[in-house]
């Protein structure tokens, strides 16, 4: 009979100490200053967590045990004081020594190695990591820590491991180490959407928040701890924020619409990043657990998405183009359509980072394609062939940089335009989307050559009210899409006036409500 002790919570067996022990790695221990034992106590073992895979009817009912890589393992005394800490290796194995009597073992959802600082926390401030633990067996007894998915810590360690994979991939491709990063996640915590929230205050730490599903309803509601595509998509926003540009003002982005091209580009390349890290063009998002669940998203970036909209502002189409630009590198990345372009992830990220150095960089997919051609990374004929094979409009590669989105607005010049968040189908294709559809907002790039007061005037052809559906709003943002000024309200004219430093800025004219359609004139002056 093999000896074991069991840590139990809520009636579930969570932590088993058994004679079955995998390989171990002797890592440096930190030891507290306590009364010594006659001989140091040693424990060796492994830490594994349960994960689920995507199926056509939600996350798999079956779970799969995976090693918890590079996570801290601590032993504690009867008063809860930490006596020694080590970390697992990439197989989840560990060896830990204590010179004082230890009674408990704990594993923490935090990684701090190789210049990588990652955590999954129970609070939005990033202060409290998930911790899993139980009673220690006698020294020398092999320890097998099995964290089942009945415990939220399994999900926390899965998220942490996906972020480690993303961090290591970025370093492999770019040589860069990213700033400290954490994910706020817990069962029943976030029930609306997963999203990147940027820097936490002025701490130098960046964060995402992931869906935890409705409390007690994991089998039926959307929870993202086992959706690696989603974890890495949100992490991808962080990567692009650090390495490249940002053309998106945010907002939800359901399938089947043509969005503001900047939003479509940023969401698409976060999806592209996730698929590059996983080396898999199949992007999946589950809701619930089989057989009660479903697939929210099943998008094959290599074969395309059936019935999806195409063109500038297509999130799905843009992700497919980015995949096709990178795939075919060696035998790792699927290239079924043999599009002839195989830049690889490293070259793509290099180009995105280099594009950031351009003063007016505020790209969508057309501008990025133009940049690849201008910098000699790909020939225009190759891009033209790639677009044709994927069923994308060839106009996504403009003839020159002056034609890319968003158009330039010259100081002192008046331009005319039209906002349409009503027509169905929308003029550019697909259903209308007043909040962030391509036709529901116009975007202009403007250069301020010297410090001064920039005044932007929007004149609406109509009352500007919701009654006649001519309600439009005006926004001013910097080249990283951060809001600098806004004019709203149901009036026929909007004005923003602000002292600015020399540089590049962005002006939005957008639908101000639930669906409006109006012609307008826009003018910007510097005084």
Protein backbone atom coordinates (compact mmCIF):
# COMPACT_ATOMS: atom_id res chain seq x y z
CA UNK A 1 0.00 0.00 0.00
CA UNK A 2 1.53 3.34 -1.02
CA UNK A 3 1.64 6.00 1.68
CA UNK A 4 -0.19 9.26 1.02
CA UNK A 5 -1.83 12.14 2.75
CA UNK A 6 -4.76 14.02 1.23
CA UNK A 7 -5.65 17.68 1.49
CA UNK A 8 -9.39 18.10 1.15
CA UNK A 9 -11.56 21.16 0.54
CA UNK A 10 -15.26 21.22 -0.22
CA UNK A 11 -15.17 17.44 -0.22
CA UNK A 12 -12.79 17.18 -3.20
CA UNK A 13 -9.42 15.44 -3.16
CA UNK A 14 -6.99 18.14 -4.21
CA UNK A 15 -3.44 17.44 -3.11
CA UNK A 16 -1.97 13.91 -3.11
CA UNK A 17 1.41 12.92 -1.74
CA UNK A 18 2.42 9.57 -3.16
CA UNK A 19 5.40 7.40 -3.98
CA UNK A 20 4.88 8.20 -7.68
CA UNK A 21 7.45 10.88 -8.34
CA UNK A 22 8.72 12.35 -11.60
CA UNK A 23 12.14 13.80 -12.30
CA UNK A 24 13.22 16.68 -10.10
CA UNK A 25 15.43 19.70 -10.52
CA UNK A 26 17.51 21.03 -7.64
CA UNK A 27 16.81 24.77 -7.58
CA UNK A 28 18.13 27.30 -5.08
CA UNK A 29 16.08 27.38 -1.87
CA UNK A 30 15.45 30.37 0.36
CA UNK A 31 15.43 29.31 4.01
CA UNK A 32 14.07 31.13 7.05
CA UNK A 33 16.14 31.54 10.22
CA UNK A 34 14.50 29.00 12.52
CA UNK A 35 15.63 26.46 15.09
CA UNK A 36 17.45 23.75 13.09
CA UNK A 37 16.49 20.08 12.82
CA UNK A 38 19.04 17.39 13.50
CA UNK A 39 19.13 16.85 9.73
CA UNK A 40 17.63 18.98 6.90
CA UNK A 41 14.27 17.72 5.66
CA UNK A 42 13.90 17.14 1.92
CA UNK A 43 10.87 16.71 -0.31
CA UNK A 44 10.85 16.07 -4.05
CA UNK A 45 7.92 15.79 -6.40
CA UNK A 46 5.84 17.42 -9.13
CA UNK A 47 3.05 19.97 -9.44
CA UNK A 48 0.41 19.49 -12.11
CA UNK A 49 -2.89 21.20 -12.85
CA UNK A 50 -5.98 20.12 -14.77
CA UNK A 51 -6.75 21.73 -18.13
CA UNK A 52 -9.57 21.41 -20.63
CA UNK A 53 -9.54 21.39 -24.42
CA UNK A 54 -11.99 22.93 -26.86
CA UNK A 55 -14.67 20.74 -28.44
CA UNK A 56 -17.62 21.55 -30.70
CA UNK A 57 -19.90 21.67 -27.65
CA UNK A 58 -17.74 23.68 -25.25
CA UNK A 59 -14.67 22.88 -23.19
CA UNK A 60 -13.99 19.17 -22.84
CA UNK A 61 -15.58 17.26 -19.99
CA UNK A 62 -12.34 15.30 -19.69
CA UNK A 63 -9.44 17.12 -18.08
CA UNK A 64 -5.76 16.75 -18.91
CA UNK A 65 -2.98 17.12 -16.36
CA UNK A 66 -0.16 19.50 -17.29
CA UNK A 67 3.00 20.53 -15.44
CA UNK A 68 2.93 23.81 -13.53
CA UNK A 69 6.14 25.31 -14.89
CA UNK A 70 8.50 27.65 -13.02
CA UNK A 71 6.10 28.35 -10.15
CA UNK A 72 7.12 28.91 -6.50
CA UNK A 73 6.81 26.00 -4.08
CA UNK A 74 7.08 26.81 -0.37
CA UNK A 75 7.08 24.84 2.86
CA UNK A 76 5.64 26.43 6.01
CA UNK A 77 5.69 25.78 9.74
CA UNK A 78 2.68 25.31 12.00
CA UNK A 79 2.32 29.09 12.41
CA UNK A 80 2.16 29.66 8.63
CA UNK A 81 5.69 31.09 8.39
CA UNK A 82 7.50 30.32 5.14
CA UNK A 83 10.60 28.23 5.89
CA UNK A 84 11.92 27.62 2.37
CA UNK A 85 10.95 28.37 -1.21
CA UNK A 86 12.04 26.86 -4.49
CA UNK A 87 10.41 26.65 -7.92
CA UNK A 88 9.37 23.93 -10.32
CA UNK A 89 11.22 23.28 -13.54
CA UNK A 90 9.62 23.03 -16.98
CA UNK A 91 8.41 19.51 -16.14
CA UNK A 92 6.71 20.75 -12.98
CA UNK A 93 9.31 18.99 -10.81
CA UNK A 94 10.89 20.39 -7.67
CA UNK A 95 13.15 19.56 -4.73
CA UNK A 96 12.95 21.60 -1.54
CA UNK A 97 14.96 21.47 1.69
CA UNK A 98 14.12 22.86 5.09
CA UNK A 99 16.35 23.00 8.18
CA UNK A 100 13.32 23.45 10.46
CA UNK A 101 10.11 21.51 10.98
CA UNK A 102 7.64 22.07 8.13
CA UNK A 103 4.02 20.92 8.08
CA UNK A 104 2.50 22.50 4.97
CA UNK A 105 3.32 22.97 1.27
CA UNK A 106 1.98 25.81 -0.92
CA UNK A 107 2.19 26.57 -4.64
CA UNK A 108 1.72 30.16 -5.85
CA UNK A 109 0.51 31.49 -9.23
CA UNK A 110 3.50 33.76 -9.82
CA UNK A 111 6.53 33.42 -12.11
CA UNK A 112 9.68 35.49 -11.71
CA UNK A 113 12.47 34.04 -13.85
CA UNK A 114 14.65 34.96 -16.83
CA UNK A 115 13.49 38.58 -16.64
CA UNK A 116 9.86 37.40 -16.84
CA UNK A 117 7.49 38.60 -14.09
CA UNK A 118 3.97 37.15 -14.38
CA UNK A 119 1.13 36.51 -11.96
CA UNK A 120 -2.52 35.51 -11.83
CA UNK A 121 -4.23 37.32 -8.98
CA UNK A 122 -7.49 37.19 -7.07
CA UNK A 123 -7.82 40.98 -6.95
CA UNK A 124 -7.78 43.72 -9.63
CA UNK A 125 -4.85 45.46 -7.94
CA UNK A 126 -2.58 42.49 -8.48
CA UNK A 127 -1.71 42.11 -4.81
CA UNK A 128 -3.04 38.62 -3.96
CA UNK A 129 -1.89 35.62 -6.00
CA UNK A 130 -3.80 32.36 -6.15
CA UNK A 131 -2.29 29.89 -3.67
CA UNK A 132 -2.89 26.15 -3.45
CA UNK A 133 -1.60 23.98 -0.60
CA UNK A 134 -1.96 21.13 1.82
CA UNK A 135 -0.36 19.12 4.58
CA UNK A 136 3.15 17.78 4.04
CA UNK A 137 4.01 14.07 4.37
CA UNK A 138 7.07 12.82 6.19
CA UNK A 139 10.41 14.11 4.79
CA UNK A 140 11.67 11.93 1.97
CA UNK A 141 8.18 10.94 0.86
CA UNK A 142 7.72 11.84 -2.82
CA UNK A 143 5.12 14.56 -3.32
CA UNK A 144 2.62 14.62 -6.16
CA UNK A 145 0.53 17.81 -6.25
CA UNK A 146 -2.53 17.28 -8.44
CA UNK A 147 -4.73 20.39 -8.75
CA UNK A 148 -8.04 19.30 -10.21
CA UNK A 149 -10.38 21.67 -12.03
CA UNK A 150 -12.77 21.49 -9.10
CA UNK A 151 -10.49 24.17 -7.67
CA UNK A 152 -10.04 27.61 -9.24
CA UNK A 153 -6.28 27.35 -8.82
CA UNK A 154 -6.17 24.92 -11.77
CA UNK A 155 -7.49 27.67 -14.01
CA UNK A 156 -5.07 30.19 -12.53
CA UNK A 157 -2.08 27.97 -13.29
CA UNK A 158 -3.33 27.37 -16.83
CA UNK A 159 -3.56 31.11 -17.46
CA UNK A 160 -0.10 31.60 -15.96
CA UNK A 161 1.44 28.91 -18.14
CA UNK A 162 -0.09 30.39 -21.32
CA UNK A 163 1.35 33.81 -20.43
CA UNK A 164 4.76 32.21 -19.84
CA UNK A 165 4.59 30.67 -23.31
CA UNK A 166 3.69 34.08 -24.76
CA UNK A 167 6.55 35.82 -22.92
CA UNK A 168 9.10 33.27 -24.04
CA UNK A 169 7.86 33.50 -27.63
CA UNK A 170 8.30 37.27 -27.64
CA UNK A 171 11.85 36.92 -26.35
CA UNK A 172 12.62 34.25 -28.94
CA UNK A 173 11.31 36.41 -31.78
CA UNK A 174 12.52 39.84 -30.68
CA UNK A 175 15.07 39.45 -27.89
CA UNK A 176 12.86 41.71 -25.77
CA UNK A 177 11.81 41.23 -22.15
CA UNK A 178 8.41 42.64 -21.31
CA UNK A 179 7.46 44.64 -18.18
CA UNK A 180 5.82 42.91 -15.19
CA UNK A 181 2.35 41.65 -16.02
CA UNK A 182 -0.57 40.08 -14.20
CA UNK A 183 -4.00 38.67 -14.96
CA UNK A 184 -6.95 39.31 -12.69
CA UNK A 185 -9.11 36.22 -12.79
CA UNK A 186 -11.35 34.14 -10.56
CA UNK A 187 -14.41 31.95 -10.86
CA UNK A 188 -17.51 34.12 -10.96
CA UNK A 189 -15.49 37.37 -11.01
CA UNK A 190 -15.78 38.77 -14.53
CA UNK A 191 -18.92 37.84 -16.46
CA UNK A 192 -19.13 40.30 -19.36
CA UNK A 193 -15.91 40.18 -21.42
CA UNK A 194 -12.16 39.57 -21.27
CA UNK A 195 -10.03 42.65 -21.92
CA UNK A 196 -6.63 44.30 -21.68
CA UNK A 197 -6.58 47.16 -19.18
CA UNK A 198 -3.06 48.54 -19.72
CA UNK A 199 -0.81 49.77 -16.94
CA UNK A 200 -2.11 49.47 -13.39
CA UNK A 201 -1.85 53.03 -12.08
CA UNK A 202 1.78 54.15 -12.17
CA UNK A 203 3.15 50.82 -10.96
CA UNK A 204 4.93 49.71 -14.13
CA UNK A 205 2.80 46.53 -14.08
CA UNK A 206 0.34 45.81 -16.86
CA UNK A 207 -2.78 43.70 -16.64
CA UNK A 208 -5.64 41.87 -18.30
CA UNK A 209 -8.95 40.74 -16.87
CA UNK A 210 -10.35 37.39 -18.00
CA UNK A 211 -13.85 35.97 -17.87
CA UNK A 212 -14.55 33.80 -14.83
CA UNK A 213 -18.12 32.85 -15.69
CA UNK A 214 -21.19 33.25 -13.53
CA UNK A 215 -20.76 32.00 -9.96
CA UNK A 216 -21.34 28.25 -9.71
CA UNK A 217 -22.22 27.96 -13.42
CA UNK A 218 -18.90 27.04 -15.03
CA UNK A 219 -20.59 24.35 -17.13
CA UNK A 220 -22.98 26.80 -18.79
CA UNK A 221 -21.34 30.23 -18.91
CA UNK A 222 -18.30 31.78 -20.53
CA UNK A 223 -15.08 31.37 -18.60
CA UNK A 224 -11.72 31.76 -20.32
CA UNK A 225 -9.13 30.09 -18.09
CA UNK A 226 -8.85 27.08 -20.42
CA UNK A 227 -9.17 29.02 -23.69
CA UNK A 228 -5.52 29.48 -24.60
CA UNK A 229 -6.40 31.45 -27.74
CA UNK A 230 -8.29 33.99 -25.63
CA UNK A 231 -5.61 34.22 -22.93
CA UNK A 232 -2.94 34.85 -25.55
CA UNK A 233 -5.18 37.23 -27.51
CA UNK A 234 -5.48 39.51 -24.48
CA UNK A 235 -1.79 39.05 -23.71
CA UNK A 236 -1.16 39.95 -27.37
CA UNK A 237 -2.70 43.39 -26.80
CA UNK A 238 -0.06 43.92 -24.11
CA UNK A 239 2.70 42.77 -26.47
CA UNK A 240 1.59 45.15 -29.23
CA UNK A 241 1.20 47.98 -26.72
CA UNK A 242 4.82 47.48 -25.66
CA UNK A 243 6.43 46.77 -29.04
CA UNK A 244 4.31 48.59 -31.56
CA UNK A 245 1.53 51.09 -32.24
CA UNK A 246 -2.06 51.38 -31.07
CA UNK A 247 -4.76 52.42 -33.52
CA UNK A 248 -7.80 51.38 -31.49
CA UNK A 249 -10.06 53.40 -29.20
CA UNK A 250 -11.58 50.12 -27.90
CA UNK A 251 -15.09 48.75 -27.83
CA UNK A 252 -16.68 45.36 -28.39
CA UNK A 253 -16.20 43.64 -31.74
CA UNK A 254 -18.65 40.81 -32.50
CA UNK A 255 -18.22 38.71 -35.62
CA UNK A 256 -19.73 39.67 -38.95
CA UNK A 257 -19.24 43.47 -38.95
CA UNK A 258 -16.89 45.89 -40.67
CA UNK A 259 -15.40 47.99 -37.87
CA UNK A 260 -13.37 51.10 -37.57
CA UNK A 261 -10.19 49.91 -39.38
CA UNK A 262 -7.91 50.72 -36.44
CA UNK A 263 -10.00 48.62 -34.06
CA UNK A 264 -10.16 45.76 -36.59
CA UNK A 265 -6.36 45.84 -37.01
CA UNK A 266 -5.58 45.78 -33.29
CA UNK A 267 -8.04 42.98 -32.54
CA UNK A 268 -6.85 40.98 -35.54
CA UNK A 269 -3.20 41.13 -34.67
CA UNK A 270 -3.92 40.09 -31.08
CA UNK A 271 -5.62 37.02 -32.58
CA UNK A 272 -2.69 36.57 -34.97
CA UNK A 273 -0.24 36.73 -32.05
CA UNK A 274 -2.16 34.02 -30.16
CA UNK A 275 -2.13 31.72 -33.18
CA UNK A 276 1.56 32.36 -33.80
CA UNK A 277 2.44 31.44 -30.21
CA UNK A 278 0.34 28.26 -30.38
CA UNK A 279 1.61 27.48 -33.91
CA UNK A 280 -1.99 26.79 -34.87
CA UNK A 281 -4.23 28.75 -37.27
CA UNK A 282 -7.36 27.47 -35.50
CA UNK A 283 -8.56 30.18 -33.10
CA UNK A 284 -11.13 28.88 -30.60
CA UNK A 285 -13.29 30.34 -27.84
CA UNK A 286 -15.54 28.08 -25.78
CA UNK A 287 -18.60 28.77 -23.64
CA UNK A 288 -19.36 26.22 -20.92
CA UNK A 289 -18.39 22.56 -20.73
CA UNK A 290 -19.59 19.80 -23.07
CA UNK A 291 -22.25 18.74 -23.71
CA UNK A 292 -23.93 21.86 -22.30
CA UNK A 293 -21.57 24.39 -23.90
CA UNK A 294 -20.78 25.72 -27.35
CA UNK A 295 -18.07 27.33 -29.44
CA UNK A 296 -18.36 31.11 -29.48
CA UNK A 297 -15.60 31.34 -32.08
CA UNK A 298 -14.03 28.81 -34.43
CA UNK A 299 -11.89 30.72 -36.88
CA UNK A 300 -9.38 28.96 -39.11
CA UNK A 301 -6.95 31.73 -40.06
CA UNK A 302 -5.46 29.60 -42.84
CA UNK A 303 -8.64 28.38 -44.52
CA UNK A 304 -10.75 31.42 -43.84
CA UNK A 305 -14.03 32.05 -42.09
CA UNK A 306 -17.10 31.04 -44.07
CA UNK A 307 -19.55 33.86 -44.72
CA UNK A 308 -17.43 36.53 -43.05
CA UNK A 309 -17.22 40.10 -44.31
CA UNK A 310 -14.08 41.11 -46.19
CA UNK A 311 -12.18 44.33 -46.70
CA UNK A 312 -10.81 47.22 -44.69
CA UNK A 313 -12.36 46.99 -41.23
CA UNK A 314 -12.76 43.21 -41.25
CA UNK A 315 -11.24 41.80 -38.07
CA UNK A 316 -11.39 38.22 -39.32
CA UNK A 317 -10.04 39.07 -42.76
CA UNK A 318 -7.19 41.08 -41.28
CA UNK A 319 -6.19 38.20 -38.98
CA UNK A 320 -6.14 35.84 -41.97
CA UNK A 321 -3.92 38.22 -43.95
CA UNK A 322 -1.47 38.50 -41.05
CA UNK A 323 -1.35 34.71 -40.72
CA UNK A 324 -0.74 34.30 -44.46
CA UNK A 325 2.08 36.83 -44.34
CA UNK A 326 3.83 34.82 -41.62
CA UNK A 327 2.98 31.19 -42.40
CA UNK A 328 5.03 28.68 -44.35
CA UNK A 329 8.10 29.31 -42.20
CA UNK A 330 9.67 25.85 -41.93
CA UNK A 331 7.19 23.07 -41.28
CA UNK A 332 5.63 24.56 -38.14
CA UNK A 333 3.10 26.99 -39.61
CA UNK A 334 0.29 25.69 -41.79
CA UNK A 335 0.29 27.10 -45.35
CA UNK A 336 -2.46 25.16 -47.08
CA UNK A 337 -3.16 27.82 -49.70
CA UNK A 338 0.55 28.16 -50.60
CA UNK A 339 0.28 31.93 -50.81
CA UNK A 340 4.02 32.27 -51.40
CA UNK A 341 4.79 34.66 -48.52
CA UNK A 342 6.47 33.31 -45.39
CA UNK A 343 7.90 36.16 -43.33
CA UNK A 344 7.58 34.39 -39.98
CA UNK A 345 6.60 35.87 -36.63
CA UNK A 346 10.00 37.45 -35.94
CA UNK A 347 10.05 39.47 -39.16
CA UNK A 348 6.42 40.51 -38.70
CA UNK A 349 7.04 41.78 -35.16
CA UNK A 350 10.22 43.50 -36.33
CA UNK A 351 8.20 45.38 -38.95
CA UNK A 352 5.46 46.31 -36.47
CA UNK A 353 8.07 47.63 -34.04
CA UNK A 354 9.90 49.53 -36.78
CA UNK A 355 6.65 51.09 -37.96
CA UNK A 356 6.18 52.52 -34.47
CA UNK A 357 9.16 54.80 -35.09
CA UNK A 358 7.28 56.62 -37.84
CA UNK A 359 5.92 59.85 -36.45
CA UNK A 360 2.51 59.38 -38.07
CA UNK A 361 2.13 55.66 -37.37
CA UNK A 362 -1.57 54.94 -36.80
CA UNK A 363 -2.04 51.91 -39.04
CA UNK A 364 -4.75 49.60 -40.23
CA UNK A 365 -4.02 46.56 -42.40
CA UNK A 366 -3.67 48.63 -45.58
CA UNK A 367 -0.99 50.83 -44.03
CA UNK A 368 0.90 47.82 -42.65
CA UNK A 369 0.88 46.12 -46.06
CA UNK A 370 2.13 49.34 -47.64
CA UNK A 371 4.91 49.51 -45.03
CA UNK A 372 6.03 45.93 -45.73
CA UNK A 373 6.33 46.76 -49.41
CA UNK A 374 8.08 50.09 -48.86
CA UNK A 375 10.67 48.50 -46.56
CA UNK A 376 11.43 45.70 -49.03
CA UNK A 377 10.15 42.87 -46.87
CA UNK A 378 7.75 41.68 -49.56
CA UNK A 379 7.07 42.47 -53.21
CA UNK A 380 3.74 44.08 -54.18
CA UNK A 381 3.01 41.23 -56.61
CA UNK A 382 3.36 38.74 -53.76
CA UNK A 383 0.92 40.71 -51.60
CA UNK A 384 -1.49 40.97 -54.51
CA UNK A 385 -1.38 37.18 -54.96
CA UNK A 386 -1.84 36.60 -51.21
CA UNK A 387 -4.91 38.82 -51.10
CA UNK A 388 -6.45 37.16 -54.14
CA UNK A 389 -5.94 33.65 -52.76
CA UNK A 390 -7.61 34.66 -49.50
CA UNK A 391 -10.58 36.32 -51.17
CA UNK A 392 -9.61 39.80 -49.92
CA UNK A 393 -9.99 42.99 -51.97
CA UNK A 394 -6.74 43.82 -53.74
CA UNK A 395 -7.34 47.46 -52.86
CA UNK A 396 -6.09 46.60 -49.35
CA UNK A 397 -2.63 47.24 -50.79
CA UNK A 398 -2.86 50.93 -51.77
CA UNK A 399 -0.80 52.19 -54.68
CA UNK A 400 1.05 54.59 -52.40
CA UNK A 401 1.22 55.64 -48.77
CA UNK A 402 -0.92 58.74 -49.38
CA UNK A 403 -3.97 56.54 -49.90
CA UNK A 404 -3.82 54.56 -46.66
CA UNK A 405 -6.24 54.84 -43.73
CA UNK A 406 -6.76 57.22 -42.01
CA UNK A 407 -6.55 60.07 -44.53
CA UNK A 408 -4.56 63.20 -43.69
CA UNK A 409 -6.36 66.41 -42.83
CA UNK A 410 -4.42 69.57 -43.67
CA UNK A 411 -4.57 72.54 -41.31
CA UNK A 412 -6.95 75.21 -42.57
CA UNK A 413 -8.62 72.90 -45.05
CA UNK A 414 -12.34 72.05 -44.90
CA UNK A 415 -13.33 68.49 -45.77
CA UNK A 416 -16.78 67.01 -46.28
CA UNK A 417 -17.96 63.59 -45.23
CA UNK A 418 -20.89 61.47 -44.20
CA UNK A 419 -21.56 59.33 -41.15
CA UNK A 420 -23.96 56.43 -41.56
CA UNK A 421 -24.83 54.18 -38.67
CA UNK A 422 -28.29 53.42 -40.07
CA UNK A 423 -28.20 51.92 -43.59
CA UNK A 424 -28.50 48.16 -43.72
CA UNK A 425 -26.38 46.83 -45.24
CA UNK A 426 -23.87 49.54 -44.43
CA UNK A 427 -22.28 51.29 -47.43
CA UNK A 428 -18.98 49.45 -46.88
CA UNK A 429 -20.71 46.08 -46.45
CA UNK A 430 -22.13 44.08 -43.56
CA UNK A 431 -24.75 45.23 -41.06
CA UNK A 432 -24.63 48.73 -39.53
CA UNK A 433 -22.90 49.23 -36.20
CA UNK A 434 -23.42 52.72 -34.76
CA UNK A 435 -20.92 52.33 -31.91
CA UNK A 436 -17.80 51.56 -33.95
CA UNK A 437 -18.72 50.49 -37.47
CA UNK A 438 -16.55 51.63 -40.36
CA UNK A 439 -19.33 53.84 -41.78
CA UNK A 440 -20.40 55.14 -38.37
CA UNK A 441 -17.15 57.02 -37.86
CA UNK A 442 -14.58 58.85 -39.94
CA UNK A 443 -10.99 59.22 -38.77
CA UNK A 444 -8.42 61.81 -39.85
CA UNK A 445 -4.72 62.10 -39.14
CA UNK A 446 -3.47 65.66 -38.59
CA UNK A 447 0.04 67.07 -38.21
CA UNK A 448 0.61 69.94 -35.78
CA UNK A 449 3.97 71.44 -36.90
CA UNK A 450 4.56 73.57 -33.81
CA UNK A 451 3.14 74.11 -30.34
CA UNK A 452 -0.08 76.06 -30.32
CA UNK A 453 -3.84 75.94 -29.88
CA UNK A 454 -5.54 73.47 -32.21
CA UNK A 455 -9.21 74.22 -32.87
CA UNK A 456 -11.33 71.59 -34.59
CA UNK A 457 -14.81 72.52 -35.84
CA UNK A 458 -17.49 70.06 -36.90
CA UNK A 459 -20.59 71.40 -38.70
CA UNK A 460 -23.49 68.96 -39.14
CA UNK A 461 -26.01 69.20 -41.95
CA UNK A 462 -29.06 68.88 -39.74
CA UNK A 463 -30.16 69.66 -36.21
CA UNK A 464 -27.56 67.39 -34.62
CA UNK A 465 -30.31 65.75 -32.57
CA UNK A 466 -31.52 62.19 -32.24
CA UNK A 467 -34.98 63.21 -33.48
CA UNK A 468 -33.85 63.57 -37.08
CA UNK A 469 -30.99 61.07 -36.58
CA UNK A 470 -28.20 63.57 -37.23
CA UNK A 471 -26.57 63.30 -33.81
CA UNK A 472 -22.78 63.25 -34.36
CA UNK A 473 -19.88 63.59 -31.91
CA UNK A 474 -16.34 64.94 -32.25
CA UNK A 475 -13.20 63.53 -30.58
CA UNK A 476 -9.50 64.43 -30.51
CA UNK A 477 -6.91 61.75 -29.68
CA UNK A 478 -3.15 61.39 -29.72
CA UNK A 479 -1.26 59.04 -32.02
CA UNK A 480 -1.65 56.22 -29.45
CA UNK A 481 -5.47 56.67 -29.44
CA UNK A 482 -5.53 58.25 -25.97
CA UNK A 483 -8.44 60.71 -25.63
CA UNK A 484 -7.49 64.40 -25.44
CA UNK A 485 -10.84 66.09 -25.98
CA UNK A 486 -14.46 65.40 -26.80
CA UNK A 487 -17.53 67.36 -27.84
CA UNK A 488 -20.92 65.65 -27.55
CA UNK A 489 -24.52 66.74 -27.22
CA UNK A 490 -27.32 67.26 -29.70
CA UNK A 491 -26.21 70.44 -31.47
CA UNK A 492 -25.43 71.15 -35.13
CA UNK A 493 -21.88 72.26 -34.33
CA UNK A 494 -19.09 70.86 -32.18
CA UNK A 495 -15.79 72.54 -31.32
CA UNK A 496 -12.70 71.23 -29.57
CA UNK A 497 -9.93 73.70 -28.78
CA UNK A 498 -6.78 72.62 -26.98
CA UNK A 499 -3.15 73.65 -26.48
CA UNK A 500 -0.96 70.96 -28.02
CA UNK A 501 2.70 70.21 -28.52
CA UNK A 502 4.01 69.67 -32.03
CA UNK A 503 3.22 66.18 -33.28
CA UNK A 504 0.69 63.89 -34.89
CA UNK A 505 -2.93 63.70 -33.71
CA UNK A 506 -6.14 61.94 -34.70
CA UNK A 507 -9.66 63.36 -35.13
CA UNK A 508 -12.82 61.23 -34.96
CA UNK A 509 -16.25 62.17 -36.31
CA UNK A 510 -18.68 59.51 -35.13
CA UNK A 511 -22.28 58.46 -34.65
CA UNK A 512 -23.42 60.02 -31.39
CA UNK A 513 -26.12 57.53 -30.50
CA UNK A 514 -27.98 54.40 -31.52
CA UNK A 515 -27.95 55.06 -35.24
CA UNK A 516 -27.52 58.37 -37.07
CA UNK A 517 -26.89 59.47 -40.64
CA UNK A 518 -25.68 62.96 -41.54
CA UNK A 519 -23.40 64.89 -43.87
CA UNK A 520 -20.84 67.13 -42.21
CA UNK A 521 -17.95 69.53 -42.75
CA UNK A 522 -14.75 69.41 -40.69
CA UNK A 523 -12.02 71.98 -40.30
CA UNK A 524 -8.91 72.25 -38.10
CA UNK A 525 -6.89 75.43 -37.44
CA UNK A 526 -3.76 76.16 -35.42
CA UNK A 527 -3.37 79.49 -33.66
